Amino acid sequence: YSDGTTHYADSVKGRFTISRDNAKNTLYLQMNSLKPEDTALY
C-alpha cells in the first residue's frame, strides 16, 4: 500500500519481499530461496 503496508501470497511468504522507493518511482520484489514453481512471467 501507499503507506508501506505489505501483504504476500502464502506461496511466497517468508521468501519474497516487496518494497518501494517513491523517490525513484520504483517497485521492487526481492526473491530469495527460489523454487522451480516460482518460474513465471512477473
All heavy atoms as atom14 arrays in JSON, in Angstrom:
{
  "sequence": "YSDGTTHYADSVKGRFTISRDNAKNTLYLQMNSLKPEDTALY",
  "atom14_mask": [
    [1, 1, 1, 1, 1, 1, 1, 1, 1, 1, 1, 1, 0, 0],
    [1, 1, 1, 1, 1, 1, 0, 0, 0, 0, 0, 0, 0, 0],
    [1, 1, 1, 1, 1, 1, 1, 1, 0, 0, 0, 0, 0, 0],
    [1, 1, 1, 1, 0, 0, 0, 0, 0, 0, 0, 0, 0, 0],
    [1, 1, 1, 1, 1, 1, 1, 0, 0, 0, 0, 0, 0, 0],
    [1, 1, 1, 1, 1, 1, 1, 0, 0, 0, 0, 0, 0, 0],
    [1, 1, 1, 1, 1, 1, 1, 1, 1, 1, 0, 0, 0, 0],
    [1, 1, 1, 1, 1, 1, 1, 1, 1, 1, 1, 1, 0, 0],
    [1, 1, 1, 1, 1, 0, 0, 0, 0, 0, 0, 0, 0, 0],
    [1, 1, 1, 1, 1, 1, 1, 1, 0, 0, 0, 0, 0, 0],
    [1, 1, 1, 1, 1, 1, 0, 0, 0, 0, 0, 0, 0, 0],
    [1, 1, 1, 1, 1, 1, 1, 0, 0, 0, 0, 0, 0, 0],
    [1, 1, 1, 1, 1, 1, 1, 1, 1, 0, 0, 0, 0, 0],
    [1, 1, 1, 1, 0, 0, 0, 0, 0, 0, 0, 0, 0, 0],
    [1, 1, 1, 1, 1, 1, 1, 1, 1, 1, 1, 0, 0, 0],
    [1, 1, 1, 1, 1, 1, 1, 1, 1, 1, 1, 0, 0, 0],
    [1, 1, 1, 1, 1, 1, 1, 0, 0, 0, 0, 0, 0, 0],
    [1, 1, 1, 1, 1, 1, 1, 1, 0, 0, 0, 0, 0, 0],
    [1, 1, 1, 1, 1, 1, 0, 0, 0, 0, 0, 0, 0, 0],
    [1, 1, 1, 1, 1, 1, 1, 1, 1, 1, 1, 0, 0, 0],
    [1, 1, 1, 1, 1, 1, 1, 1, 0, 0, 0, 0, 0, 0],
    [1, 1, 1, 1, 1, 1, 1, 1, 0, 0, 0, 0, 0, 0],
    [1, 1, 1, 1, 1, 0, 0, 0, 0, 0, 0, 0, 0, 0],
    [1, 1, 1, 1, 1, 1, 1, 1, 1, 0, 0, 0, 0, 0],
    [1, 1, 1, 1, 1, 1, 1, 1, 0, 0, 0, 0, 0, 0],
    [1, 1, 1, 1, 1, 1, 1, 0, 0, 0, 0, 0, 0, 0],
    [1, 1, 1, 1, 1, 1, 1, 1, 0, 0, 0, 0, 0, 0],
    [1, 1, 1, 1, 1, 1, 1, 1, 1, 1, 1, 1, 0, 0],
    [1, 1, 1, 1, 1, 1, 1, 1, 0, 0, 0, 0, 0, 0],
    [1, 1, 1, 1, 1, 1, 1, 1, 1, 0, 0, 0, 0, 0],
    [1, 1, 1, 1, 1, 1, 1, 1, 0, 0, 0, 0, 0, 0],
    [1, 1, 1, 1, 1, 1, 1, 1, 0, 0, 0, 0, 0, 0],
    [1, 1, 1, 1, 1, 1, 0, 0, 0, 0, 0, 0, 0, 0],
    [1, 1, 1, 1, 1, 1, 1, 1, 0, 0, 0, 0, 0, 0],
    [1, 1, 1, 1, 1, 1, 1, 1, 1, 0, 0, 0, 0, 0],
    [1, 1, 1, 1, 1, 1, 1, 0, 0, 0, 0, 0, 0, 0],
    [1, 1, 1, 1, 1, 1, 1, 1, 1, 0, 0, 0, 0, 0],
    [1, 1, 1, 1, 1, 1, 1, 1, 0, 0, 0, 0, 0, 0],
    [1, 1, 1, 1, 1, 1, 1, 0, 0, 0, 0, 0, 0, 0],
    [1, 1, 1, 1, 1, 0, 0, 0, 0, 0, 0, 0, 0, 0],
    [1, 1, 1, 1, 1, 1, 1, 1, 0, 0, 0, 0, 0, 0],
    [1, 1, 1, 1, 1, 1, 1, 1, 1, 1, 1, 1, 0, 0]
  ],
  "atom14_positions": [
    [[0.82, -1.18, 0.0], [0.0, 0.0, 0.0], [0.87, 1.25, 0.0], [2.08, 1.19, 0.22], [-0.93, 0.01, 1.21], [-2.09, -0.94, 1.11], [-2.16, -2.07, 1.92], [-3.13, -0.71, 0.22], [-3.22, -2.95, 1.84], [-4.2, -1.57, 0.13], [-4.25, -2.69, 0.95], [-5.31, -3.55, 0.85], [0.0, 0.0, 0.0], [0.0, 0.0, 0.0]],
    [[0.24, 2.37, -0.22], [0.96, 3.63, -0.25], [1.64, 3.95, 1.08], [2.66, 4.64, 1.1], [0.03, 4.78, -0.65], [-1.04, 4.91, 0.26], [0.0, 0.0, 0.0], [0.0, 0.0, 0.0], [0.0, 0.0, 0.0], [0.0, 0.0, 0.0], [0.0, 0.0, 0.0], [0.0, 0.0, 0.0], [0.0, 0.0, 0.0], [0.0, 0.0, 0.0]],
    [[1.1, 3.43, 2.18], [1.71, 3.67, 3.49], [2.82, 2.68, 3.82], [3.39, 2.73, 4.91], [0.65, 3.66, 4.59], [0.01, 2.3, 4.81], [0.35, 1.34, 4.1], [-0.84, 2.2, 5.72], [0.0, 0.0, 0.0], [0.0, 0.0, 0.0], [0.0, 0.0, 0.0], [0.0, 0.0, 0.0], [0.0, 0.0, 0.0], [0.0, 0.0, 0.0]],
    [[3.1, 1.77, 2.9], [4.18, 0.81, 3.09], [3.75, -0.53, 3.63], [4.58, -1.45, 3.72], [0.0, 0.0, 0.0], [0.0, 0.0, 0.0], [0.0, 0.0, 0.0], [0.0, 0.0, 0.0], [0.0, 0.0, 0.0], [0.0, 0.0, 0.0], [0.0, 0.0, 0.0], [0.0, 0.0, 0.0], [0.0, 0.0, 0.0], [0.0, 0.0, 0.0]],
    [[2.49, -0.69, 3.97], [2.0, -1.98, 4.45], [2.09, -3.02, 3.35], [1.69, -2.76, 2.22], [0.53, -1.85, 4.91], [0.44, -0.85, 5.92], [0.04, -3.17, 5.47], [0.0, 0.0, 0.0], [0.0, 0.0, 0.0], [0.0, 0.0, 0.0], [0.0, 0.0, 0.0], [0.0, 0.0, 0.0], [0.0, 0.0, 0.0], [0.0, 0.0, 0.0]],
    [[2.61, -4.18, 3.68], [2.83, -5.23, 2.69], [2.0, -6.47, 2.98], [1.67, -6.77, 4.13], [4.31, -5.63, 2.63], [4.74, -6.09, 3.92], [5.16, -4.44, 2.21], [0.0, 0.0, 0.0], [0.0, 0.0, 0.0], [0.0, 0.0, 0.0], [0.0, 0.0, 0.0], [0.0, 0.0, 0.0], [0.0, 0.0, 0.0], [0.0, 0.0, 0.0]],
    [[1.69, -7.19, 1.91], [0.97, -8.45, 2.01], [1.51, -9.4, 0.96], [1.96, -8.97, -0.1], [-0.53, -8.24, 1.81], [-1.16, -7.4, 2.87], [-1.62, -7.92, 4.05], [-1.4, -6.07, 2.92], [-2.12, -6.94, 4.8], [-2.0, -5.81, 4.13], [0.0, 0.0, 0.0], [0.0, 0.0, 0.0], [0.0, 0.0, 0.0], [0.0, 0.0, 0.0]],
    [[1.45, -10.68, 1.28], [2.03, -11.69, 0.41], [1.11, -12.88, 0.23], [0.35, -13.25, 1.13], [3.35, -12.2, 0.99], [4.38, -11.12, 1.17], [4.46, -10.4, 2.35], [5.27, -10.82, 0.14], [5.41, -9.4, 2.51], [6.22, -9.82, 0.3], [6.28, -9.11, 1.48], [7.22, -8.12, 1.63], [0.0, 0.0, 0.0], [0.0, 0.0, 0.0]],
    [[1.22, -13.49, -0.93], [0.57, -14.77, -1.14], [1.26, -15.8, -0.27], [2.47, -15.73, -0.03], [0.65, -15.17, -2.61], [0.0, 0.0, 0.0], [0.0, 0.0, 0.0], [0.0, 0.0, 0.0], [0.0, 0.0, 0.0], [0.0, 0.0, 0.0], [0.0, 0.0, 0.0], [0.0, 0.0, 0.0], [0.0, 0.0, 0.0], [0.0, 0.0, 0.0]],
    [[0.5, -16.77, 0.21], [1.08, -17.8, 1.07], [2.24, -18.53, 0.41], [3.19, -18.94, 1.08], [0.01, -18.82, 1.47], [-0.99, -18.25, 2.45], [-0.7, -17.23, 3.1], [-2.08, -18.85, 2.59], [0.0, 0.0, 0.0], [0.0, 0.0, 0.0], [0.0, 0.0, 0.0], [0.0, 0.0, 0.0], [0.0, 0.0, 0.0], [0.0, 0.0, 0.0]],
    [[2.19, -18.66, -0.89], [3.21, -19.41, -1.6], [4.59, -18.75, -1.58], [5.6, -19.42, -1.8], [2.78, -19.63, -3.06], [2.56, -18.4, -3.71], [0.0, 0.0, 0.0], [0.0, 0.0, 0.0], [0.0, 0.0, 0.0], [0.0, 0.0, 0.0], [0.0, 0.0, 0.0], [0.0, 0.0, 0.0], [0.0, 0.0, 0.0], [0.0, 0.0, 0.0]],
    [[4.63, -17.45, -1.3], [5.9, -16.75, -1.31], [6.25, -16.12, 0.02], [7.35, -15.58, 0.19], [5.94, -15.66, -2.41], [5.58, -16.25, -3.76], [5.01, -14.5, -2.06], [0.0, 0.0, 0.0], [0.0, 0.0, 0.0], [0.0, 0.0, 0.0], [0.0, 0.0, 0.0], [0.0, 0.0, 0.0], [0.0, 0.0, 0.0], [0.0, 0.0, 0.0]],
    [[5.35, -16.2, 0.97], [5.56, -15.59, 2.28], [6.82, -16.14, 2.94], [7.03, -17.34, 2.99], [4.34, -15.83, 3.15], [4.25, -14.95, 4.38], [2.89, -15.11, 5.06], [1.75, -14.69, 4.14], [0.41, -14.84, 4.78], [0.0, 0.0, 0.0], [0.0, 0.0, 0.0], [0.0, 0.0, 0.0], [0.0, 0.0, 0.0], [0.0, 0.0, 0.0]],
    [[7.63, -15.23, 3.42], [8.88, -15.61, 4.05], [10.05, -15.71, 3.11], [11.2, -15.8, 3.55], [0.0, 0.0, 0.0], [0.0, 0.0, 0.0], [0.0, 0.0, 0.0], [0.0, 0.0, 0.0], [0.0, 0.0, 0.0], [0.0, 0.0, 0.0], [0.0, 0.0, 0.0], [0.0, 0.0, 0.0], [0.0, 0.0, 0.0], [0.0, 0.0, 0.0]],
    [[9.77, -15.7, 1.82], [10.83, -15.8, 0.82], [10.96, -14.53, -0.01], [12.06, -14.17, -0.43], [10.57, -16.98, -0.11], [10.55, -18.33, 0.59], [10.47, -19.48, -0.41], [9.26, -19.42, -1.21], [9.24, -19.32, -2.54], [10.38, -19.25, -3.23], [8.09, -19.29, -3.19], [0.0, 0.0, 0.0], [0.0, 0.0, 0.0], [0.0, 0.0, 0.0]],
    [[9.84, -13.88, -0.27], [9.83, -12.69, -1.11], [9.58, -11.45, -0.25], [8.87, -11.51, 0.75], [8.73, -12.76, -2.17], [8.94, -13.77, -3.25], [9.95, -14.72, -3.19], [8.11, -13.76, -4.37], [10.13, -15.65, -4.2], [8.28, -14.68, -5.38], [9.29, -15.63, -5.3], [0.0, 0.0, 0.0], [0.0, 0.0, 0.0], [0.0, 0.0, 0.0]],
    [[10.13, -10.34, -0.69], [9.9, -9.07, -0.02], [9.59, -8.0, -1.06], [10.38, -7.77, -1.97], [11.12, -8.63, 0.79], [11.45, -9.63, 1.76], [10.83, -7.31, 1.52], [0.0, 0.0, 0.0], [0.0, 0.0, 0.0], [0.0, 0.0, 0.0], [0.0, 0.0, 0.0], [0.0, 0.0, 0.0], [0.0, 0.0, 0.0], [0.0, 0.0, 0.0]],
    [[8.45, -7.38, -0.91], [8.08, -6.28, -1.79], [8.44, -4.96, -1.11], [8.28, -4.82, 0.11], [6.58, -6.33, -2.17], [6.26, -5.29, -3.24], [5.7, -6.16, -0.94], [4.85, -5.43, -3.82], [0.0, 0.0, 0.0], [0.0, 0.0, 0.0], [0.0, 0.0, 0.0], [0.0, 0.0, 0.0], [0.0, 0.0, 0.0], [0.0, 0.0, 0.0]],
    [[8.92, -4.03, -1.87], [9.26, -2.72, -1.33], [9.1, -1.67, -2.42], [8.9, -1.99, -3.59], [10.69, -2.72, -0.78], [11.64, -2.98, -1.79], [0.0, 0.0, 0.0], [0.0, 0.0, 0.0], [0.0, 0.0, 0.0], [0.0, 0.0, 0.0], [0.0, 0.0, 0.0], [0.0, 0.0, 0.0], [0.0, 0.0, 0.0], [0.0, 0.0, 0.0]],
    [[9.19, -0.44, -2.0], [9.05, 0.64, -2.97], [9.96, 1.79, -2.6], [10.25, 2.03, -1.42], [7.59, 1.12, -3.05], [7.06, 1.73, -1.75], [5.54, 1.85, -1.77], [5.06, 2.68, -2.86], [3.83, 2.64, -3.37], [2.94, 1.77, -2.88], [3.49, 3.45, -4.36], [0.0, 0.0, 0.0], [0.0, 0.0, 0.0], [0.0, 0.0, 0.0]],
    [[10.41, 2.5, -3.61], [11.19, 3.71, -3.43], [10.42, 4.8, -4.16], [10.52, 4.93, -5.38], [12.59, 3.54, -3.99], [13.49, 4.73, -3.7], [12.97, 5.84, -3.46], [14.72, 4.56, -3.71], [0.0, 0.0, 0.0], [0.0, 0.0, 0.0], [0.0, 0.0, 0.0], [0.0, 0.0, 0.0], [0.0, 0.0, 0.0], [0.0, 0.0, 0.0]],
    [[9.66, 5.55, -3.4], [8.81, 6.56, -4.01], [9.6, 7.68, -4.68], [9.14, 8.27, -5.65], [7.86, 7.15, -2.97], [6.79, 6.17, -2.55], [6.44, 5.25, -3.3], [6.24, 6.35, -1.36], [0.0, 0.0, 0.0], [0.0, 0.0, 0.0], [0.0, 0.0, 0.0], [0.0, 0.0, 0.0], [0.0, 0.0, 0.0], [0.0, 0.0, 0.0]],
    [[10.78, 7.96, -4.16], [11.62, 8.99, -4.76], [12.06, 8.6, -6.16], [12.34, 9.46, -7.01], [12.83, 9.28, -3.89], [0.0, 0.0, 0.0], [0.0, 0.0, 0.0], [0.0, 0.0, 0.0], [0.0, 0.0, 0.0], [0.0, 0.0, 0.0], [0.0, 0.0, 0.0], [0.0, 0.0, 0.0], [0.0, 0.0, 0.0], [0.0, 0.0, 0.0]],
    [[12.14, 7.31, -6.41], [12.56, 6.79, -7.7], [11.41, 6.24, -8.53], [11.63, 5.74, -9.64], [13.61, 5.71, -7.53], [14.9, 6.19, -6.9], [15.91, 5.06, -6.78], [17.21, 5.54, -6.2], [18.2, 4.44, -6.07], [0.0, 0.0, 0.0], [0.0, 0.0, 0.0], [0.0, 0.0, 0.0], [0.0, 0.0, 0.0], [0.0, 0.0, 0.0]],
    [[10.2, 6.32, -8.0], [9.03, 5.73, -8.67], [9.3, 4.28, -9.08], [8.99, 3.87, -10.2], [8.65, 6.56, -9.92], [7.95, 7.86, -9.57], [7.67, 8.65, -10.46], [7.66, 8.1, -8.31], [0.0, 0.0, 0.0], [0.0, 0.0, 0.0], [0.0, 0.0, 0.0], [0.0, 0.0, 0.0], [0.0, 0.0, 0.0], [0.0, 0.0, 0.0]],
    [[9.85, 3.55, -8.15], [10.26, 2.19, -8.45], [9.72, 1.2, -7.43], [9.77, 1.45, -6.22], [11.78, 2.08, -8.53], [12.26, 2.97, -9.55], [12.21, 0.66, -8.9], [0.0, 0.0, 0.0], [0.0, 0.0, 0.0], [0.0, 0.0, 0.0], [0.0, 0.0, 0.0], [0.0, 0.0, 0.0], [0.0, 0.0, 0.0], [0.0, 0.0, 0.0]],
    [[9.23, 0.09, -7.92], [8.75, -1.02, -7.11], [9.75, -2.16, -7.22], [10.28, -2.4, -8.3], [7.38, -1.46, -7.61], [6.68, -2.59, -6.87], [6.17, -2.1, -5.52], [5.54, -3.14, -7.72], [0.0, 0.0, 0.0], [0.0, 0.0, 0.0], [0.0, 0.0, 0.0], [0.0, 0.0, 0.0], [0.0, 0.0, 0.0], [0.0, 0.0, 0.0]],
    [[9.96, -2.86, -6.12], [10.92, -3.96, -6.11], [10.28, -5.24, -5.6], [9.33, -5.21, -4.82], [12.11, -3.64, -5.21], [12.86, -2.39, -5.58], [12.62, -1.19, -4.92], [13.82, -2.41, -6.58], [13.32, -0.04, -5.25], [14.52, -1.27, -6.92], [14.27, -0.09, -6.25], [14.97, 1.06, -6.58], [0.0, 0.0, 0.0], [0.0, 0.0, 0.0]],
    [[10.84, -6.34, -6.02], [10.49, -7.63, -5.45], [11.78, -8.41, -5.26], [12.39, -8.85, -6.23], [9.53, -8.41, -6.35], [9.03, -9.73, -5.78], [8.12, -9.47, -4.56], [8.28, -10.54, -6.83], [0.0, 0.0, 0.0], [0.0, 0.0, 0.0], [0.0, 0.0, 0.0], [0.0, 0.0, 0.0], [0.0, 0.0, 0.0], [0.0, 0.0, 0.0]],
    [[12.18, -8.55, -4.01], [13.33, -9.36, -3.68], [12.86, -10.79, -3.51], [12.0, -11.07, -2.68], [13.99, -8.87, -2.39], [15.18, -9.7, -1.94], [16.35, -9.63, -2.89], [16.72, -8.54, -3.32], [16.91, -10.77, -3.23], [0.0, 0.0, 0.0], [0.0, 0.0, 0.0], [0.0, 0.0, 0.0], [0.0, 0.0, 0.0], [0.0, 0.0, 0.0]],
    [[13.42, -11.68, -4.28], [13.02, -13.07, -4.27], [14.18, -13.93, -3.81], [15.22, -13.98, -4.48], [12.54, -13.51, -5.66], [11.44, -12.64, -6.23], [10.81, -13.27, -7.82], [12.29, -13.05, -8.82], [0.0, 0.0, 0.0], [0.0, 0.0, 0.0], [0.0, 0.0, 0.0], [0.0, 0.0, 0.0], [0.0, 0.0, 0.0], [0.0, 0.0, 0.0]],
    [[14.01, -14.58, -2.69], [15.03, -15.47, -2.14], [14.51, -16.89, -2.1], [13.31, -17.13, -2.19], [15.42, -15.02, -0.74], [16.02, -13.64, -0.69], [16.71, -13.21, -1.61], [15.76, -12.92, 0.4], [0.0, 0.0, 0.0], [0.0, 0.0, 0.0], [0.0, 0.0, 0.0], [0.0, 0.0, 0.0], [0.0, 0.0, 0.0], [0.0, 0.0, 0.0]],
    [[15.42, -17.82, -1.94], [15.06, -19.24, -1.84], [14.13, -19.66, -2.96], [13.1, -20.31, -2.74], [14.43, -19.54, -0.48], [15.31, -19.21, 0.57], [0.0, 0.0, 0.0], [0.0, 0.0, 0.0], [0.0, 0.0, 0.0], [0.0, 0.0, 0.0], [0.0, 0.0, 0.0], [0.0, 0.0, 0.0], [0.0, 0.0, 0.0], [0.0, 0.0, 0.0]],
    [[14.48, -19.29, -4.15], [13.62, -19.54, -5.3], [13.44, -21.03, -5.57], [14.36, -21.82, -5.41], [14.16, -18.84, -6.53], [13.9, -17.33, -6.55], [14.83, -16.63, -7.53], [12.44, -17.05, -6.91], [0.0, 0.0, 0.0], [0.0, 0.0, 0.0], [0.0, 0.0, 0.0], [0.0, 0.0, 0.0], [0.0, 0.0, 0.0], [0.0, 0.0, 0.0]],
    [[12.24, -21.35, -5.99], [11.85, -22.71, -6.3], [11.45, -22.82, -7.76], [11.03, -21.83, -8.36], [10.67, -23.14, -5.42], [10.9, -23.0, -3.93], [9.63, -23.3, -3.17], [9.84, -23.16, -1.67], [8.59, -23.44, -0.93], [0.0, 0.0, 0.0], [0.0, 0.0, 0.0], [0.0, 0.0, 0.0], [0.0, 0.0, 0.0], [0.0, 0.0, 0.0]],
    [[11.53, -24.0, -8.34], [11.1, -24.16, -9.73], [9.67, -23.67, -9.96], [9.38, -23.14, -11.03], [11.23, -25.66, -9.96], [12.35, -26.07, -9.07], [12.15, -25.23, -7.82], [0.0, 0.0, 0.0], [0.0, 0.0, 0.0], [0.0, 0.0, 0.0], [0.0, 0.0, 0.0], [0.0, 0.0, 0.0], [0.0, 0.0, 0.0], [0.0, 0.0, 0.0]],
    [[8.81, -23.84, -8.98], [7.43, -23.41, -9.13], [7.26, -21.89, -9.14], [6.17, -21.39, -9.39], [6.53, -24.03, -8.06], [7.02, -23.83, -6.64], [7.77, -25.04, -6.11], [8.61, -25.6, -6.85], [7.52, -25.44, -4.96], [0.0, 0.0, 0.0], [0.0, 0.0, 0.0], [0.0, 0.0, 0.0], [0.0, 0.0, 0.0], [0.0, 0.0, 0.0]],
    [[8.34, -21.17, -8.87], [8.31, -19.72, -8.99], [8.5, -19.27, -10.43], [8.38, -18.07, -10.72], [9.39, -19.08, -8.12], [9.15, -19.29, -6.64], [7.99, -19.16, -6.19], [10.13, -19.55, -5.92], [0.0, 0.0, 0.0], [0.0, 0.0, 0.0], [0.0, 0.0, 0.0], [0.0, 0.0, 0.0], [0.0, 0.0, 0.0], [0.0, 0.0, 0.0]],
    [[8.82, -20.19, -11.3], [9.01, -19.86, -12.71], [7.74, -19.27, -13.28], [6.68, -19.88, -13.24], [9.41, -21.11, -13.5], [10.69, -21.57, -13.04], [9.51, -20.8, -14.99], [0.0, 0.0, 0.0], [0.0, 0.0, 0.0], [0.0, 0.0, 0.0], [0.0, 0.0, 0.0], [0.0, 0.0, 0.0], [0.0, 0.0, 0.0], [0.0, 0.0, 0.0]],
    [[7.86, -18.08, -13.81], [6.69, -17.38, -14.34], [7.12, -16.06, -14.96], [8.26, -15.62, -14.8], [5.68, -17.1, -13.23], [0.0, 0.0, 0.0], [0.0, 0.0, 0.0], [0.0, 0.0, 0.0], [0.0, 0.0, 0.0], [0.0, 0.0, 0.0], [0.0, 0.0, 0.0], [0.0, 0.0, 0.0], [0.0, 0.0, 0.0], [0.0, 0.0, 0.0]],
    [[6.19, -15.46, -15.65], [6.36, -14.11, -16.12], [5.82, -13.2, -15.01], [4.66, -13.31, -14.63], [5.59, -13.88, -17.41], [5.78, -12.54, -18.11], [7.22, -12.38, -18.58], [4.83, -12.43, -19.3], [0.0, 0.0, 0.0], [0.0, 0.0, 0.0], [0.0, 0.0, 0.0], [0.0, 0.0, 0.0], [0.0, 0.0, 0.0], [0.0, 0.0, 0.0]],
    [[6.67, -12.35, -14.49], [6.3, -11.5, -13.37], [5.92, -10.1, -13.85], [6.65, -9.48, -14.61], [7.46, -11.4, -12.38], [7.6, -12.62, -11.52], [8.08, -13.82, -12.05], [7.24, -12.6, -10.17], [8.18, -14.96, -11.27], [7.34, -13.73, -9.38], [7.81, -14.9, -9.93], [7.92, -16.03, -9.15], [0.0, 0.0, 0.0], [0.0, 0.0, 0.0]]
  ]
}
